[in-house]
Protein backbone atom coordinates (compact mmCIF):
# COMPACT_ATOMS: atom_id res chain seq x y z
CA MET A 1 -1.54 20.03 -6.90
CA SER A 2 0.09 16.44 -6.85
CA ASN A 3 3.39 15.33 -5.59
CA PRO A 4 6.27 15.22 -8.29
CA ALA A 5 7.47 12.21 -6.89
CA ILE A 6 4.68 10.41 -7.25
CA ASP A 7 3.69 12.15 -10.73
CA ALA A 8 7.16 10.60 -12.08
CA ALA A 9 6.39 6.84 -11.01
CA PHE A 10 3.36 6.85 -13.56
CA ALA A 11 5.41 8.87 -16.29
CA ASP A 12 7.07 6.02 -18.32
CA GLU A 13 5.54 3.01 -17.39
CA PRO A 14 2.47 1.39 -15.12
CA ALA A 15 3.03 2.13 -11.89
CA PHE A 16 3.59 -0.86 -9.17
CA ILE A 17 2.49 0.12 -5.61
CA PRO A 18 2.93 -2.85 -3.27
CA TYR A 19 1.82 -2.69 0.53
CA LEU A 20 3.17 -3.95 3.38
CA ALA A 21 2.41 -2.87 7.05
CA ALA A 22 5.05 -1.52 9.21
CA GLY A 23 6.24 -3.46 12.06
CA ASP A 24 5.46 -6.89 10.56
CA PRO A 25 6.56 -8.83 12.41
CA SER A 26 9.03 -7.04 13.98
CA TYR A 27 10.57 -3.33 13.55
CA ASP A 28 14.22 -4.87 12.10
CA ALA A 29 12.42 -7.62 9.97
CA SER A 30 9.91 -5.39 8.76
CA LEU A 31 12.48 -2.81 7.79
CA GLU A 32 14.47 -5.59 5.56
CA TYR A 33 10.81 -6.52 4.08
CA VAL A 34 9.72 -3.13 3.04
CA GLU A 35 13.38 -2.52 1.39
CA ALA A 36 13.20 -5.75 -0.36
CA LEU A 37 10.08 -3.83 -2.14
CA ALA A 38 12.10 -1.39 -3.98
CA ARG A 39 14.70 -4.16 -4.93
CA GLY A 40 11.96 -5.90 -6.86
CA GLY A 41 11.02 -3.16 -8.70
CA ALA A 42 8.39 -1.11 -6.12
CA ASP A 43 7.72 2.21 -7.82
CA ILE A 44 6.05 3.85 -4.90
CA ILE A 45 5.62 1.98 -1.38
CA GLU A 46 2.10 2.28 0.46
CA LEU A 47 3.46 1.65 4.04
CA GLY A 48 0.28 0.72 6.45
CA LEU A 49 0.58 2.23 9.98
CA PRO A 50 -1.14 0.14 11.87
CA PHE A 51 -4.51 0.83 13.43
CA SER A 52 -6.86 -1.61 15.65
CA GLU A 53 -10.02 -1.34 13.27
CA PRO A 54 -8.80 -1.29 9.95
CA ILE A 55 -12.29 -1.42 8.17
CA ALA A 56 -11.28 -2.11 4.56
CA GLU A 57 -9.22 -4.71 5.47
CA GLY A 58 -9.52 -9.02 5.06
CA SER A 59 -8.02 -11.51 7.00
CA THR A 60 -4.69 -11.23 5.77
CA ILE A 61 -3.60 -7.46 6.38
CA GLN A 62 -5.95 -7.84 9.86
CA ASN A 63 -3.35 -10.32 10.98
CA ALA A 64 -0.77 -8.04 9.68
CA ILE A 65 -1.80 -4.79 11.38
CA VAL A 66 -2.12 -7.09 14.99
CA ARG A 67 1.34 -8.72 14.42
CA SER A 68 2.68 -5.09 13.88
CA LEU A 69 0.89 -4.09 16.98
CA GLN A 70 2.14 -6.75 19.13
CA GLY A 71 5.76 -5.74 17.74
CA GLY A 72 5.54 -2.47 19.35
CA MET A 73 4.15 -0.40 16.49
CA THR A 74 2.83 2.85 17.49
CA VAL A 75 2.59 6.38 15.78
CA GLY A 76 5.91 7.51 16.74
CA ARG A 77 7.52 4.39 15.52
CA TYR A 78 6.10 4.54 12.27
CA PHE A 79 7.83 7.90 11.58
CA GLU A 80 11.12 6.54 13.26
CA PHE A 81 10.42 3.59 10.84
CA VAL A 82 10.19 5.88 8.04
CA THR A 83 13.32 7.99 8.64
CA ASP A 84 15.08 4.62 9.10
CA LEU A 85 13.92 3.07 5.64
CA ASP A 86 17.04 2.93 2.60
CA VAL A 87 14.49 3.25 -0.39
CA ASP A 88 14.51 5.80 -3.26
CA VAL A 89 10.56 5.69 -4.24
CA PRO A 90 7.99 7.53 -2.71
CA VAL A 91 6.37 6.34 0.18
CA VAL A 92 2.29 6.54 0.79
CA CYS A 93 1.19 6.17 4.30
CA MET A 94 -2.41 3.96 4.62
CA THR A 95 -4.10 4.68 7.95
CA TYR A 96 -7.12 5.39 9.32
CA TYR A 97 -8.23 8.74 9.90
CA ASN A 98 -8.57 8.60 13.59
CA LEU A 99 -5.11 8.35 14.38
CA ILE A 100 -4.34 11.45 11.61
CA TYR A 101 -6.87 13.67 13.52
CA GLN A 102 -5.89 12.92 17.29
CA TYR A 103 -1.74 13.36 16.69
CA GLY A 104 -0.04 16.27 18.29
CA ASP A 105 -1.48 18.84 20.70
CA GLU A 106 -4.25 19.54 19.09
CA PRO A 107 -7.23 17.73 17.04
CA GLY A 108 -6.76 18.26 13.53
CA PRO A 109 -4.79 16.29 10.39
CA GLU A 110 -2.10 19.62 9.97
CA PRO A 111 0.09 18.03 12.72
CA PHE A 112 0.38 14.73 11.81
CA VAL A 113 0.41 15.84 7.98
CA ARG A 114 3.63 18.13 8.78
CA LYS A 115 5.50 15.32 10.49
CA ALA A 116 4.86 13.19 7.83
CA LYS A 117 6.23 15.18 5.17
CA SER A 118 9.49 16.36 7.64
CA VAL A 119 10.46 12.53 7.27
CA GLY A 120 9.94 11.65 3.97
CA ILE A 121 6.06 10.54 3.31
CA ASP A 122 4.66 11.89 0.12
CA GLY A 123 1.02 10.90 0.57
CA PHE A 124 -1.95 9.05 2.08
CA VAL A 125 -4.60 6.80 1.33
CA VAL A 126 -7.44 7.22 4.17
CA PRO A 127 -10.16 4.28 3.54
CA ASP A 128 -12.46 5.71 6.45
CA LEU A 129 -12.38 9.06 5.17
CA PRO A 130 -15.61 10.23 3.90
CA ALA A 131 -15.45 12.71 1.19
CA GLU A 132 -17.72 15.06 2.93
CA GLU A 133 -15.48 15.33 6.01
CA ALA A 134 -11.93 15.20 3.70
CA ASP A 135 -11.47 19.27 3.34
CA PRO A 136 -8.75 19.84 6.13
CA LEU A 137 -7.10 16.81 5.33
CA ARG A 138 -6.70 17.88 1.80
CA GLU A 139 -5.76 21.44 2.30
CA ALA A 140 -3.14 20.05 4.78
CA CYS A 141 -1.81 18.03 2.12
CA ASP A 142 -1.86 21.15 -0.20
CA GLU A 143 0.12 23.35 2.16
CA HIS A 144 2.54 20.72 2.54
CA GLY A 145 3.03 19.16 -0.81
CA LEU A 146 1.52 15.71 -0.11
CA ASP A 147 -1.03 13.70 -2.23
CA LEU A 148 -4.01 12.25 -0.73
CA VAL A 149 -5.49 9.01 -2.75
CA PHE A 150 -9.19 8.09 -2.61
CA ILE A 151 -10.78 4.50 -3.14
CA VAL A 152 -12.79 4.43 -6.21
CA ALA A 153 -15.35 1.28 -5.16
CA PRO A 154 -17.47 -0.38 -8.39
CA THR A 155 -20.89 1.10 -6.58
CA THR A 156 -19.60 4.78 -6.40
CA ASP A 157 -22.23 6.73 -7.81
CA ASP A 158 -21.46 9.39 -10.69
CA GLU A 159 -21.78 12.47 -8.47
CA ARG A 160 -19.81 10.91 -6.18
CA LEU A 161 -17.10 9.98 -8.01
CA ASP A 162 -16.58 13.61 -9.82
CA ARG A 163 -16.04 14.55 -5.67
CA LEU A 164 -13.82 11.98 -5.12
CA VAL A 165 -11.75 13.02 -8.45
CA SER A 166 -11.58 16.37 -7.63
CA LEU A 167 -10.48 16.07 -4.12
CA SER A 168 -7.69 13.40 -5.00
CA SER A 169 -3.95 14.00 -6.36
CA GLY A 170 -1.19 11.37 -7.32
CA TYR A 171 -3.61 8.76 -8.43
CA LEU A 172 -6.75 7.40 -7.94
CA TYR A 173 -6.94 3.55 -5.73
CA VAL A 174 -9.32 1.78 -8.11
CA GLN A 175 -10.95 -0.97 -5.87
CA ALA A 176 -11.29 -4.16 -8.51
CA ARG A 177 -14.12 -5.75 -6.82
CA LEU A 178 -16.70 -5.64 -3.93
CA GLY A 179 -15.73 -6.36 -0.53
CA VAL A 180 -12.29 -6.46 1.66
CA THR A 181 -8.55 -6.72 0.41
CA GLY A 182 -6.93 -10.26 -0.15
CA ALA A 183 -5.62 -11.88 -2.84
CA ARG A 184 -7.91 -13.70 -5.39
CA ASP A 185 -7.67 -16.65 -8.03
CA ASP A 186 -8.95 -14.50 -10.60
CA VAL A 187 -9.26 -11.04 -12.27
CA SER A 188 -12.92 -9.65 -11.72
CA SER A 189 -14.72 -8.34 -14.37
CA GLU A 190 -15.63 -5.67 -12.29
CA THR A 191 -12.12 -4.16 -13.15
CA THR A 192 -12.58 -3.35 -16.75
CA SER A 193 -16.27 -1.72 -15.91
CA SER A 194 -14.33 0.61 -13.54
CA LEU A 195 -11.46 1.66 -15.52
CA ASP A 196 -14.04 2.06 -18.88
CA ARG A 197 -15.87 4.48 -16.36
CA LEU A 198 -12.80 6.24 -15.37
CA ALA A 199 -10.94 6.91 -18.74
CA ALA A 200 -12.13 10.31 -19.16
CA TYR A 201 -10.79 11.46 -15.25
CA ASP A 202 -7.18 12.84 -16.27
CA ILE A 203 -5.89 11.00 -12.92
CA PRO A 204 -3.53 7.96 -12.67
CA LYS A 205 -5.99 5.04 -12.18
CA ALA A 206 -3.90 2.41 -9.82
CA VAL A 207 -6.26 -0.87 -9.32
CA GLY A 208 -6.02 -2.73 -6.43
CA PHE A 209 -8.05 -5.90 -4.03
CA GLY A 210 -6.93 -9.21 -5.18
CA ILE A 211 -3.80 -9.09 -7.63
CA LYS A 212 -1.58 -11.74 -6.64
CA THR A 213 0.19 -12.57 -10.35
CA GLY A 214 2.10 -11.33 -12.57
CA GLU A 215 -1.08 -12.34 -14.86
CA HIS A 216 -3.26 -10.44 -13.14
CA ALA A 217 -0.91 -7.30 -13.39
CA ARG A 218 -0.27 -8.01 -16.86
CA ASP A 219 -4.50 -8.46 -17.82
CA ILE A 220 -5.32 -5.56 -15.52
CA ILE A 221 -2.65 -3.12 -17.09
CA ALA A 222 -3.47 -4.08 -20.77
CA GLY A 223 -7.02 -3.72 -19.66
CA GLY A 224 -6.77 0.08 -18.99
CA ALA A 225 -4.71 0.69 -15.58
CA ASP A 226 -1.83 2.84 -15.35
CA GLY A 227 -0.77 0.94 -11.61
CA ILE A 228 -1.16 -1.95 -9.85
CA ILE A 229 -1.59 -2.32 -6.13
CA VAL A 230 -0.95 -5.33 -4.33
CA GLY A 231 -0.63 -5.82 -0.64
CA SER A 232 -2.00 -9.18 0.63
CA ALA A 233 -0.09 -11.71 -1.53
CA LEU A 234 2.94 -10.06 -0.21
CA VAL A 235 1.70 -10.07 3.22
CA ASP A 236 0.84 -14.01 3.09
CA ILE A 237 4.47 -14.58 1.97
CA ILE A 238 5.86 -12.65 5.75
CA ALA A 239 2.96 -14.50 7.45
CA GLU A 240 3.96 -18.16 6.18
CA GLY A 241 7.55 -16.72 7.16
CA THR A 242 6.64 -16.07 10.52
CA GLU A 243 4.79 -18.93 11.39
CA ALA A 244 7.52 -21.07 9.94
CA ASP A 245 10.31 -19.14 11.66
CA ALA A 246 12.68 -18.75 8.52
CA PRO A 247 15.10 -16.33 8.15
CA THR A 248 14.13 -12.49 8.12
CA GLU A 249 17.16 -12.98 4.61
CA GLU A 250 14.62 -15.85 3.12
CA THR A 251 11.13 -13.99 3.35
CA ALA A 252 12.81 -11.06 2.19
CA ALA A 253 13.95 -12.88 -0.96
CA GLU A 254 10.31 -14.25 -1.79
CA LEU A 255 9.06 -10.89 -1.06
CA GLU A 256 11.93 -9.38 -4.16
CA SER A 257 11.06 -12.70 -6.35
CA LEU A 258 7.03 -11.77 -6.26
CA CYS A 259 7.57 -8.26 -6.78
CA GLU A 260 9.81 -9.41 -9.68
CA GLU A 261 7.24 -11.10 -10.94
CA LEU A 262 4.22 -8.00 -10.57
CA LYS A 263 6.48 -5.40 -11.96
CA ALA A 264 7.27 -7.93 -15.28
CA GLY A 265 3.62 -8.64 -15.91
CA ALA A 266 2.93 -4.84 -15.42
CA LEU A 267 5.29 -3.94 -18.34
CA GLU A 268 4.28 -7.05 -20.00
CA GLY A 269 0.55 -5.35 -20.33
CA ALA A 270 1.46 -2.15 -21.27
CA GLN A 271 2.98 -3.82 -24.67
């Protein structure tokens, strides 16, 4: 079962899926920044719930998580943040399993998923959740109608790939290259081979890790992807704005502009 809002994001054109960490660098500024993503053409927003040990992240997003935590972001504040957001696109929570499992009065993912549903979250990406331990979260997502997105790496073997696809709904997060997140200057050759491997699976494939320009977006969609995921290139704009003490409106405008470029590139790739 998949979430209709996320299905709709892939229905007619390639999906642009930007990522930001909620609360970076402050609650109010972050609200403006995330809303700028939607104005710039986001079809789905991956909204990071900061965790102190983000194993999948490169230095750019690690620093964003530090700024967010220093600004007072917590699980409770994150749910308030989603409630306060004024966007009309699906929101996918990207976080780590410890936060999900420990939430509520008793261990297990269902209380977190139930709360997430109540504030308007549409799905999850949980980078540190092994397929072998995913059944409880998968069942909770099915119970509440939320998607669970898994990350597929270039090194994922065929047996594991089958398992990850069977557990996934909404879309697959296709890791464009080995390593951690971070903006790059080129599109990895691993991307095309990864997409070729996944072509037989009937689920949208969204490529992330390293995308930062409209040309990157165009080439990845032309190579067979159904969507693009962009995080570090956007987080870099926030980091630079924070360092320069730039007005929030100025940074938001830069985010919106890059989003417009990335969405336009994706649409060009679909031609």
